[in-house]
Amino acid sequence: ASIRVAQADASLAQAELERAEALVSRGFISKADMD
């Protein structure tokens, strides 16, 4: 079960990163936030 929890957290982190990459070119997200 802990594997499934960790996989869900990893999927959420991956989705947030992809959304941030779409906004960084417009200047809404700083490079520090992306890191």
Full PDB file with SEQRES, HELIX, SHEET, SSBOND, CRYST1, ORIGX, SCALE, CONECT and MASTER records, all heavy atoms in Angstrom:
SEQRES   1 A   35  ALA SER ILE ARG VAL ALA GLN ALA ASP ALA SER LEU ALA          
SEQRES   2 A   35  GLN ALA GLU LEU GLU ARG ALA GLU ALA LEU VAL SER ARG          
SEQRES   3 A   35  GLY PHE ILE SER LYS ALA ASP MET ASP                          
HELIX    1 AA1 SER A    2  VAL A   24  1                                  23    
HELIX    2 AA2 LYS A   31  MET A   34  1                                   4    
CRYST1    1.000    1.000    1.000  90.00  90.00  90.00 P 1           1          
ORIGX1      1.000000  0.000000  0.000000        0.00000                         
ORIGX2      0.000000  1.000000  0.000000        0.00000                         
ORIGX3      0.000000  0.000000  1.000000        0.00000                         
SCALE1      1.000000  0.000000  0.000000        0.00000                         
SCALE2      0.000000  1.000000  0.000000        0.00000                         
SCALE3      0.000000  0.000000  1.000000        0.00000                         
ATOM      1  N   ALA A   1       0.827  -1.209   0.000  1.00  0.00           N  
ATOM      2  CA  ALA A   1       0.000   0.000   0.000  1.00  0.00           C  
ATOM      3  C   ALA A   1       0.860   1.256   0.000  1.00  0.00           C  
ATOM      4  O   ALA A   1       0.524   2.260  -0.648  1.00  0.00           O  
ATOM      5  CB  ALA A   1      -0.929  -0.019   1.207  1.00  0.00           C  
ATOM      6  N   SER A   2       1.975   1.204   0.706  1.00  0.00           N  
ATOM      7  CA  SER A   2       2.852   2.378   0.729  1.00  0.00           C  
ATOM      8  C   SER A   2       3.436   2.667  -0.649  1.00  0.00           C  
ATOM      9  O   SER A   2       3.724   3.826  -0.987  1.00  0.00           O  
ATOM     10  CB  SER A   2       3.967   2.181   1.750  1.00  0.00           C  
ATOM     11  OG  SER A   2       4.864   1.170   1.330  1.00  0.00           O  
ATOM     12  N   ILE A   3       3.596   1.637  -1.453  1.00  0.00           N  
ATOM     13  CA  ILE A   3       4.066   1.851  -2.829  1.00  0.00           C  
ATOM     14  C   ILE A   3       3.039   2.664  -3.605  1.00  0.00           C  
ATOM     15  O   ILE A   3       3.379   3.620  -4.327  1.00  0.00           O  
ATOM     16  CB  ILE A   3       4.344   0.502  -3.522  1.00  0.00           C  
ATOM     17  CG1 ILE A   3       5.531  -0.220  -2.875  1.00  0.00           C  
ATOM     18  CG2 ILE A   3       4.625   0.717  -5.013  1.00  0.00           C  
ATOM     19  CD1 ILE A   3       5.780  -1.600  -3.431  1.00  0.00           C  
ATOM     20  N   ARG A   4       1.787   2.302  -3.434  1.00  0.00           N  
ATOM     21  CA  ARG A   4       0.737   3.021  -4.162  1.00  0.00           C  
ATOM     22  C   ARG A   4       0.635   4.480  -3.706  1.00  0.00           C  
ATOM     23  O   ARG A   4       0.412   5.397  -4.505  1.00  0.00           O  
ATOM     24  CB  ARG A   4      -0.598   2.296  -3.989  1.00  0.00           C  
ATOM     25  CG  ARG A   4      -0.626   0.932  -4.674  1.00  0.00           C  
ATOM     26  CD  ARG A   4      -2.031   0.360  -4.715  1.00  0.00           C  
ATOM     27  NE  ARG A   4      -2.498  -0.005  -3.372  1.00  0.00           N  
ATOM     28  CZ  ARG A   4      -2.284  -1.186  -2.814  1.00  0.00           C  
ATOM     29  NH1 ARG A   4      -1.579  -2.106  -3.480  1.00  0.00           N  
ATOM     30  NH2 ARG A   4      -2.744  -1.449  -1.617  1.00  0.00           N  
ATOM     31  N   VAL A   5       0.803   4.735  -2.395  1.00  0.00           N  
ATOM     32  CA  VAL A   5       0.795   6.122  -1.884  1.00  0.00           C  
ATOM     33  C   VAL A   5       1.946   6.907  -2.491  1.00  0.00           C  
ATOM     34  O   VAL A   5       1.785   8.061  -2.952  1.00  0.00           O  
ATOM     35  CB  VAL A   5       0.878   6.123  -0.346  1.00  0.00           C  
ATOM     36  CG1 VAL A   5       1.089   7.539   0.177  1.00  0.00           C  
ATOM     37  CG2 VAL A   5      -0.373   5.507   0.254  1.00  0.00           C  
ATOM     38  N   ALA A   6       3.118   6.308  -2.505  1.00  0.00           N  
ATOM     39  CA  ALA A   6       4.283   6.996  -3.062  1.00  0.00           C  
ATOM     40  C   ALA A   6       4.105   7.262  -4.550  1.00  0.00           C  
ATOM     41  O   ALA A   6       4.509   8.327  -5.060  1.00  0.00           O  
ATOM     42  CB  ALA A   6       5.532   6.162  -2.803  1.00  0.00           C  
ATOM     43  N   GLN A   7       3.508   6.319  -5.263  1.00  0.00           N  
ATOM     44  CA  GLN A   7       3.279   6.532  -6.695  1.00  0.00           C  
ATOM     45  C   GLN A   7       2.291   7.688  -6.937  1.00  0.00           C  
ATOM     46  O   GLN A   7       2.451   8.473  -7.872  1.00  0.00           O  
ATOM     47  CB  GLN A   7       2.767   5.236  -7.321  1.00  0.00           C  
ATOM     48  CG  GLN A   7       3.833   4.157  -7.458  1.00  0.00           C  
ATOM     49  CD  GLN A   7       3.261   2.839  -7.934  1.00  0.00           C  
ATOM     50  OE1 GLN A   7       2.035   2.597  -7.801  1.00  0.00           O  
ATOM     51  NE2 GLN A   7       4.132   1.995  -8.484  1.00  0.00           N  
ATOM     52  N   ALA A   8       1.261   7.815  -6.079  1.00  0.00           N  
ATOM     53  CA  ALA A   8       0.295   8.917  -6.209  1.00  0.00           C  
ATOM     54  C   ALA A   8       0.980  10.253  -5.971  1.00  0.00           C  
ATOM     55  O   ALA A   8       0.752  11.239  -6.708  1.00  0.00           O  
ATOM     56  CB  ALA A   8      -0.850   8.712  -5.229  1.00  0.00           C  
ATOM     57  N   ASP A   9       1.830  10.319  -4.941  1.00  0.00           N  
ATOM     58  CA  ASP A   9       2.566  11.557  -4.686  1.00  0.00           C  
ATOM     59  C   ASP A   9       3.477  11.899  -5.858  1.00  0.00           C  
ATOM     60  O   ASP A   9       3.617  13.077  -6.248  1.00  0.00           O  
ATOM     61  CB  ASP A   9       3.391  11.422  -3.412  1.00  0.00           C  
ATOM     62  CG  ASP A   9       2.516  11.334  -2.166  1.00  0.00           C  
ATOM     63  OD1 ASP A   9       1.334  11.735  -2.245  1.00  0.00           O  
ATOM     64  OD2 ASP A   9       3.009  10.848  -1.119  1.00  0.00           O  
ATOM     65  N   ALA A  10       4.103  10.882  -6.437  1.00  0.00           N  
ATOM     66  CA  ALA A  10       4.998  11.126  -7.563  1.00  0.00           C  
ATOM     67  C   ALA A  10       4.209  11.619  -8.777  1.00  0.00           C  
ATOM     68  O   ALA A  10       4.664  12.512  -9.519  1.00  0.00           O  
ATOM     69  CB  ALA A  10       5.769   9.852  -7.897  1.00  0.00           C  
ATOM     70  N   SER A  11       3.038  11.071  -9.001  1.00  0.00           N  
ATOM     71  CA  SER A  11       2.211  11.525 -10.136  1.00  0.00           C  
ATOM     72  C   SER A  11       1.784  12.981  -9.939  1.00  0.00           C  
ATOM     73  O   SER A  11       1.791  13.784 -10.894  1.00  0.00           O  
ATOM     74  CB  SER A  11       0.984  10.616 -10.277  1.00  0.00           C  
ATOM     75  OG  SER A  11       1.381   9.292 -10.540  1.00  0.00           O  
ATOM     76  N   LEU A  12       1.372  13.354  -8.713  1.00  0.00           N  
ATOM     77  CA  LEU A  12       0.968  14.728  -8.426  1.00  0.00           C  
ATOM     78  C   LEU A  12       2.134  15.692  -8.629  1.00  0.00           C  
ATOM     79  O   LEU A  12       1.996  16.770  -9.238  1.00  0.00           O  
ATOM     80  CB  LEU A  12       0.434  14.826  -7.003  1.00  0.00           C  
ATOM     81  CG  LEU A  12      -0.008  16.218  -6.545  1.00  0.00           C  
ATOM     82  CD1 LEU A  12      -1.128  16.762  -7.447  1.00  0.00           C  
ATOM     83  CD2 LEU A  12      -0.456  16.184  -5.095  1.00  0.00           C  
ATOM     84  N   ALA A  13       3.318  15.333  -8.157  1.00  0.00           N  
ATOM     85  CA  ALA A  13       4.493  16.191  -8.305  1.00  0.00           C  
ATOM     86  C   ALA A  13       4.853  16.365  -9.769  1.00  0.00           C  
ATOM     87  O   ALA A  13       5.248  17.466 -10.209  1.00  0.00           O  
ATOM     88  CB  ALA A  13       5.667  15.590  -7.527  1.00  0.00           C  
ATOM     89  N   GLN A  14       4.705  15.292 -10.557  1.00  0.00           N  
ATOM     90  CA  GLN A  14       4.995  15.379 -11.983  1.00  0.00           C  
ATOM     91  C   GLN A  14       3.997  16.317 -12.690  1.00  0.00           C  
ATOM     92  O   GLN A  14       4.389  17.130 -13.539  1.00  0.00           O  
ATOM     93  CB  GLN A  14       4.950  13.983 -12.606  1.00  0.00           C  
ATOM     94  CG  GLN A  14       5.233  13.960 -14.093  1.00  0.00           C  
ATOM     95  CD  GLN A  14       6.660  14.400 -14.423  1.00  0.00           C  
ATOM     96  OE1 GLN A  14       7.590  14.164 -13.657  1.00  0.00           O  
ATOM     97  NE2 GLN A  14       6.837  15.077 -15.558  1.00  0.00           N  
ATOM     98  N   ALA A  15       2.719  16.272 -12.323  1.00  0.00           N  
ATOM     99  CA  ALA A  15       1.696  17.137 -12.936  1.00  0.00           C  
ATOM    100  C   ALA A  15       1.940  18.606 -12.596  1.00  0.00           C  
ATOM    101  O   ALA A  15       1.814  19.497 -13.467  1.00  0.00           O  
ATOM    102  CB  ALA A  15       0.314  16.702 -12.487  1.00  0.00           C  
ATOM    103  N   GLU A  16       2.276  18.888 -11.358  1.00  0.00           N  
ATOM    104  CA  GLU A  16       2.552  20.266 -10.961  1.00  0.00           C  
ATOM    105  C   GLU A  16       3.766  20.810 -11.703  1.00  0.00           C  
ATOM    106  O   GLU A  16       3.806  21.986 -12.097  1.00  0.00           O  
ATOM    107  CB  GLU A  16       2.769  20.353  -9.451  1.00  0.00           C  
ATOM    108  CG  GLU A  16       1.497  20.120  -8.649  1.00  0.00           C  
ATOM    109  CD  GLU A  16       1.724  20.215  -7.155  1.00  0.00           C  
ATOM    110  OE1 GLU A  16       2.922  20.317  -6.756  1.00  0.00           O  
ATOM    111  OE2 GLU A  16       0.748  20.169  -6.394  1.00  0.00           O  
ATOM    112  N   LEU A  17       4.767  19.978 -11.884  1.00  0.00           N  
ATOM    113  CA  LEU A  17       5.946  20.413 -12.618  1.00  0.00           C  
ATOM    114  C   LEU A  17       5.605  20.741 -14.068  1.00  0.00           C  
ATOM    115  O   LEU A  17       6.080  21.746 -14.624  1.00  0.00           O  
ATOM    116  CB  LEU A  17       7.025  19.322 -12.553  1.00  0.00           C  
ATOM    117  CG  LEU A  17       8.308  19.619 -13.327  1.00  0.00           C  
ATOM    118  CD1 LEU A  17       9.001  20.870 -12.780  1.00  0.00           C  
ATOM    119  CD2 LEU A  17       9.249  18.413 -13.257  1.00  0.00           C  
ATOM    120  N   GLU A  18       4.785  19.930 -14.686  1.00  0.00           N  
ATOM    121  CA  GLU A  18       4.412  20.185 -16.074  1.00  0.00           C  
ATOM    122  C   GLU A  18       3.607  21.490 -16.209  1.00  0.00           C  
ATOM    123  O   GLU A  18       3.795  22.250 -17.164  1.00  0.00           O  
ATOM    124  CB  GLU A  18       3.613  19.005 -16.606  1.00  0.00           C  
ATOM    125  CG  GLU A  18       4.464  17.743 -16.771  1.00  0.00           C  
ATOM    126  CD  GLU A  18       3.623  16.533 -17.176  1.00  0.00           C  
ATOM    127  OE1 GLU A  18       2.373  16.665 -17.214  1.00  0.00           O  
ATOM    128  OE2 GLU A  18       4.207  15.453 -17.427  1.00  0.00           O  
ATOM    129  N   ARG A  19       2.701  21.786 -15.254  1.00  0.00           N  
ATOM    130  CA  ARG A  19       1.948  23.041 -15.300  1.00  0.00           C  
ATOM    131  C   ARG A  19       2.857  24.250 -15.102  1.00  0.00           C  
ATOM    132  O   ARG A  19       2.710  25.306 -15.742  1.00  0.00           O  
ATOM    133  CB  ARG A  19       0.839  23.033 -14.260  1.00  0.00           C  
ATOM    134  CG  ARG A  19      -0.330  22.133 -14.616  1.00  0.00           C  
ATOM    135  CD  ARG A  19      -1.509  22.396 -13.709  1.00  0.00           C  
ATOM    136  NE  ARG A  19      -1.218  22.063 -12.318  1.00  0.00           N  
ATOM    137  CZ  ARG A  19      -1.456  20.885 -11.768  1.00  0.00           C  
ATOM    138  NH1 ARG A  19      -1.942  19.886 -12.523  1.00  0.00           N  
ATOM    139  NH2 ARG A  19      -1.176  20.674 -10.500  1.00  0.00           N  
ATOM    140  N   ALA A  20       3.809  24.078 -14.218  1.00  0.00           N  
ATOM    141  CA  ALA A  20       4.740  25.190 -13.966  1.00  0.00           C  
ATOM    142  C   ALA A  20       5.599  25.462 -15.189  1.00  0.00           C  
ATOM    143  O   ALA A  20       5.919  26.623 -15.498  1.00  0.00           O  
ATOM    144  CB  ALA A  20       5.610  24.854 -12.759  1.00  0.00           C  
ATOM    145  N   GLU A  21       6.010  24.450 -15.900  1.00  0.00           N  
ATOM    146  CA  GLU A  21       6.818  24.639 -17.106  1.00  0.00           C  
ATOM    147  C   GLU A  21       6.041  25.414 -18.177  1.00  0.00           C  
ATOM    148  O   GLU A  21       6.628  26.172 -18.968  1.00  0.00           O  
ATOM    149  CB  GLU A  21       7.281  23.276 -17.642  1.00  0.00           C  
ATOM    150  CG  GLU A  21       8.365  22.618 -16.787  1.00  0.00           C  
ATOM    151  CD  GLU A  21       8.714  21.228 -17.291  1.00  0.00           C  
ATOM    152  OE1 GLU A  21       7.930  20.672 -18.113  1.00  0.00           O  
ATOM    153  OE2 GLU A  21       9.755  20.680 -16.861  1.00  0.00           O  
ATOM    154  N   ALA A  22       4.720  25.262 -18.207  1.00  0.00           N  
ATOM    155  CA  ALA A  22       3.907  26.005 -19.191  1.00  0.00           C  
ATOM    156  C   ALA A  22       3.804  27.477 -18.840  1.00  0.00           C  
ATOM    157  O   ALA A  22       3.592  28.337 -19.707  1.00  0.00           O  
ATOM    158  CB  ALA A  22       2.515  25.379 -19.276  1.00  0.00           C  
ATOM    159  N   LEU A  23       3.952  27.842 -17.562  1.00  0.00           N  
ATOM    160  CA  LEU A  23       3.810  29.229 -17.122  1.00  0.00           C  
ATOM    161  C   LEU A  23       5.138  29.959 -16.989  1.00  0.00           C  
ATOM    162  O   LEU A  23       5.157  31.198 -16.881  1.00  0.00           O  
ATOM    163  CB  LEU A  23       3.075  29.278 -15.775  1.00  0.00           C  
ATOM    164  CG  LEU A  23       1.641  28.734 -15.769  1.00  0.00           C  
ATOM    165  CD1 LEU A  23       1.105  28.722 -14.355  1.00  0.00           C  
ATOM    166  CD2 LEU A  23       0.757  29.591 -16.672  1.00  0.00           C  
ATOM    167  N   VAL A  24       6.233  29.241 -17.003  1.00  0.00           N  
ATOM    168  CA  VAL A  24       7.504  29.895 -16.768  1.00  0.00           C  
ATOM    169  C   VAL A  24       7.888  30.827 -17.909  1.00  0.00           C  
ATOM    170  O   VAL A  24       8.531  31.858 -17.702  1.00  0.00           O  
ATOM    171  CB  VAL A  24       8.607  28.832 -16.538  1.00  0.00           C  
ATOM    172  CG1 VAL A  24       8.929  28.074 -17.822  1.00  0.00           C  
ATOM    173  CG2 VAL A  24       9.862  29.488 -15.949  1.00  0.00           C  
ATOM    174  N   SER A  25       7.462  30.469 -19.123  1.00  0.00           N  
ATOM    175  CA  SER A  25       7.797  31.321 -20.275  1.00  0.00           C  
ATOM    176  C   SER A  25       7.060  32.669 -20.213  1.00  0.00           C  
ATOM    177  O   SER A  25       7.491  33.653 -20.805  1.00  0.00           O  
ATOM    178  CB  SER A  25       7.478  30.608 -21.580  1.00  0.00           C  
ATOM    179  OG  SER A  25       6.098  30.292 -21.638  1.00  0.00           O  
ATOM    180  N   ARG A  26       5.930  32.754 -19.528  1.00  0.00           N  
ATOM    181  CA  ARG A  26       5.161  33.989 -19.398  1.00  0.00           C  
ATOM    182  C   ARG A  26       5.630  34.827 -18.208  1.00  0.00           C  
ATOM    183  O   ARG A  26       5.082  35.913 -17.962  1.00  0.00           O  
ATOM    184  CB  ARG A  26       3.673  33.670 -19.237  1.00  0.00           C  
ATOM    185  CG  ARG A  26       3.100  32.892 -20.417  1.00  0.00           C  
ATOM    186  CD  ARG A  26       1.638  32.569 -20.168  1.00  0.00           C  
ATOM    187  NE  ARG A  26       1.104  31.687 -21.218  1.00  0.00           N  
ATOM    188  CZ  ARG A  26      -0.150  31.256 -21.257  1.00  0.00           C  
ATOM    189  NH1 ARG A  26      -0.995  31.620 -20.280  1.00  0.00           N  
ATOM    190  NH2 ARG A  26      -0.559  30.479 -22.236  1.00  0.00           N  
ATOM    191  N   GLY A  27       6.522  34.286 -17.450  1.00  0.00           N  
ATOM    192  CA  GLY A  27       7.046  35.051 -16.333  1.00  0.00           C  
ATOM    193  C   GLY A  27       6.272  34.903 -15.049  1.00  0.00           C  
ATOM    194  O   GLY A  27       6.538  35.643 -14.091  1.00  0.00           O  
ATOM    195  N   PHE A  28       5.315  34.017 -15.005  1.00  0.00           N  
ATOM    196  CA  PHE A  28       4.516  33.855 -13.779  1.00  0.00           C  
ATOM    197  C   PHE A  28       5.236  32.983 -12.728  1.00  0.00           C  
ATOM    198  O   PHE A  28       4.923  33.058 -11.547  1.00  0.00           O  
ATOM    199  CB  PHE A  28       3.156  33.220 -14.093  1.00  0.00           C  
ATOM    200  CG  PHE A  28       2.285  34.092 -14.944  1.00  0.00           C  
ATOM    201  CD1 PHE A  28       2.061  33.786 -16.279  1.00  0.00           C  
ATOM    202  CD2 PHE A  28       1.698  35.233 -14.415  1.00  0.00           C  
ATOM    203  CE1 PHE A  28       1.256  34.596 -17.057  1.00  0.00           C  
ATOM    204  CE2 PHE A  28       0.887  36.036 -15.198  1.00  0.00           C  
ATOM    205  CZ  PHE A  28       0.666  35.732 -16.537  1.00  0.00           C  
ATOM    206  N   ILE A  29       6.153  32.167 -13.138  1.00  0.00           N  
ATOM    207  CA  ILE A  29       6.868  31.252 -12.233  1.00  0.00           C  
ATOM    208  C   ILE A  29       8.348  31.559 -12.343  1.00  0.00           C  
ATOM    209  O   ILE A  29       8.908  31.650 -13.443  1.00  0.00           O  
ATOM    210  CB  ILE A  29       6.607  29.778 -12.607  1.00  0.00           C  
ATOM    211  CG1 ILE A  29       5.113  29.472 -12.529  1.00  0.00           C  
ATOM    212  CG2 ILE A  29       7.401  28.847 -11.694  1.00  0.00           C  
ATOM    213  CD1 ILE A  29       4.540  29.541 -11.146  1.00  0.00           C  
ATOM    214  N   SER A  30       8.965  31.712 -11.187  1.00  0.00           N  
ATOM    215  CA  SER A  30      10.402  31.969 -11.192  1.00  0.00           C  
ATOM    216  C   SER A  30      11.176  30.670 -11.371  1.00  0.00           C  
ATOM    217  O   SER A  30      10.667  29.561 -11.180  1.00  0.00           O  
ATOM    218  CB  SER A  30      10.814  32.637  -9.887  1.00  0.00           C  
ATOM    219  OG  SER A  30      10.632  31.735  -8.803  1.00  0.00           O  
ATOM    220  N   LYS A  31      12.447  30.846 -11.721  1.00  0.00           N  
ATOM    221  CA  LYS A  31      13.294  29.667 -11.892  1.00  0.00           C  
ATOM    222  C   LYS A  31      13.514  28.940 -10.564  1.00  0.00           C  
ATOM    223  O   LYS A  31      13.641  27.713 -10.518  1.00  0.00           O  
ATOM    224  CB  LYS A  31      14.623  30.073 -12.488  1.00  0.00           C  
ATOM    225  CG  LYS A  31      14.516  30.546 -13.939  1.00  0.00           C  
ATOM    226  CD  LYS A  31      15.899  30.872 -14.504  1.00  0.00           C  
ATOM    227  CE  LYS A  31      15.775  31.284 -15.981  1.00  0.00           C  
ATOM    228  NZ  LYS A  31      17.092  31.594 -16.571  1.00  0.00           N  
ATOM    229  N   ALA A  32      13.520  29.695  -9.478  1.00  0.00           N  
ATOM    230  CA  ALA A  32      13.689  29.054  -8.161  1.00  0.00           C  
ATOM    231  C   ALA A  32      12.501  28.143  -7.847  1.00  0.00           C  
ATOM    232  O   ALA A  32      12.658  27.022  -7.328  1.00  0.00           O  
ATOM    233  CB  ALA A  32      13.845  30.108  -7.079  1.00  0.00           C  
ATOM    234  N   ASP A  33      11.311  28.594  -8.188  1.00  0.00           N  
ATOM    235  CA  ASP A  33      10.128  27.751  -7.978  1.00  0.00           C  
ATOM    236  C   ASP A  33      10.200  26.494  -8.841  1.00  0.00           C  
ATOM    237  O   ASP A  33       9.789  25.391  -8.426  1.00  0.00           O  
ATOM    238  CB  ASP A  33       8.871  28.541  -8.296  1.00  0.00           C  
ATOM    239  CG  ASP A  33       8.596  29.638  -7.262  1.00  0.00           C  
ATOM    240  OD1 ASP A  33       9.114  29.485  -6.116  1.00  0.00           O  
ATOM    241  OD2 ASP A  33       7.905  30.598  -7.590  1.00  0.00           O  
ATOM    242  N   MET A  34      10.715  26.641 -10.053  1.00  0.00           N  
ATOM    243  CA  MET A  34      10.833  25.483 -10.939  1.00  0.00           C  
ATOM    244  C   MET A  34      11.818  24.447 -10.356  1.00  0.00           C  
ATOM    245  O   MET A  34      11.573  23.241 -10.391  1.00  0.00           O  
ATOM    246  CB  MET A  34      11.321  25.929 -12.318  1.00  0.00           C  
ATOM    247  CG  MET A  34      10.269  26.663 -13.121  1.00  0.00           C  
ATOM    248  SD  MET A  34       8.835  25.606 -13.482  1.00  0.00           S  
ATOM    249  CE  MET A  34       9.592  24.322 -14.458  1.00  0.00           C  
ATOM    250  N   ASP A  35      12.909  24.949  -9.783  1.00  0.00           N  
ATOM    251  CA  ASP A  35      13.874  24.005  -9.184  1.00  0.00           C  
ATOM    252  C   ASP A  35      13.249  23.245  -8.021  1.00  0.00           C  
ATOM    253  O   ASP A  35      13.472  22.036  -7.850  1.00  0.00           O  
ATOM    254  CB  ASP A  35      15.111  24.767  -8.714  1.00  0.00           C  
ATOM    255  CG  ASP A  35      15.921  25.322  -9.888  1.00  0.00           C  
ATOM    256  OD1 ASP A  35      15.759  24.774 -11.017  1.00  0.00           O  
ATOM    257  OD2 ASP A  35      16.709  26.248  -9.677  1.00  0.00           O  
TER     258      ASP A  35                                                      
MASTER        0    0    0    2    0    0    0    6  257    1    0    3          
END                                                                             
